[in-house]
Amino acid sequence: MGKPKLLLPWGETSILGHLIHQWQTAEAKQISVVLAAGNTAVAAELDRLGFSAVSRVYSPTPERGMFSSVQCAARWPGWNSSLTHWAIVLGDQPHLQPETLRALLDFSAAHPESVCQPGRGGRPRHPVLLPRHAFERLKNSDAETLKQFLQTVDVERVLCELEDPGLDFDIDQPADYERAIQLCFKSTQPPLRTG
């Protein structure tokens, strides 16, 4: 993108602000954000959003990719001990419909011991919902990617087939951002946040 994706405008906030709000609306019991150690721009946006500093997980090796961030989250000691499931949410999918998230949460509640993912056309997508026993195995996994971990972990994996076209792509290029805006806002540009 040439700039931090999480800081791009999204409606009246940023992509990061929108994602946090989505999961607050979905009544997540606890939300944590994994960010690169030393990423002052994302930290400043979290400050602007009023997101607690104690709910931030710092990845010392962001160059190792997404799975490194996921493992940092799994090793983080700040999780509420009453949690039963974790949603691994990508930072570049603000365009998923609220109905998609609700359907996935309901599906996970019906399959409490399984790893649950949305599916589209039979292909697994994100976000990934992990029960506690699968999430805890992430800490010491030798897998190199989340996909590899999910393929090798001895936990049932089930797909919730959904029709959300936003499941088909992440925001990786400027054209993806424009496509996501059109999908969600039905215009060429969302209202830009101010301040």
Foldseek 3Di string as FASTA:
>chain_A
DVDDQQQPFDFQGGLVLLVVVLVVVVVDVADAEEDAVPPVVVVVSCVVSVNDPVRYFHQPCCVLDDLSSLLSVLPDPPDDPPDFKDWDADSFQSLFDSVVVNLQVVVCVVVVQAWEAADEPNHGFDTIMHTPVLSNVSNPDPDSDPVRSNVPDPTHYDYHYDDGPSRVDGPDDPVVVQVSCCSRVVDRDHDGHDD
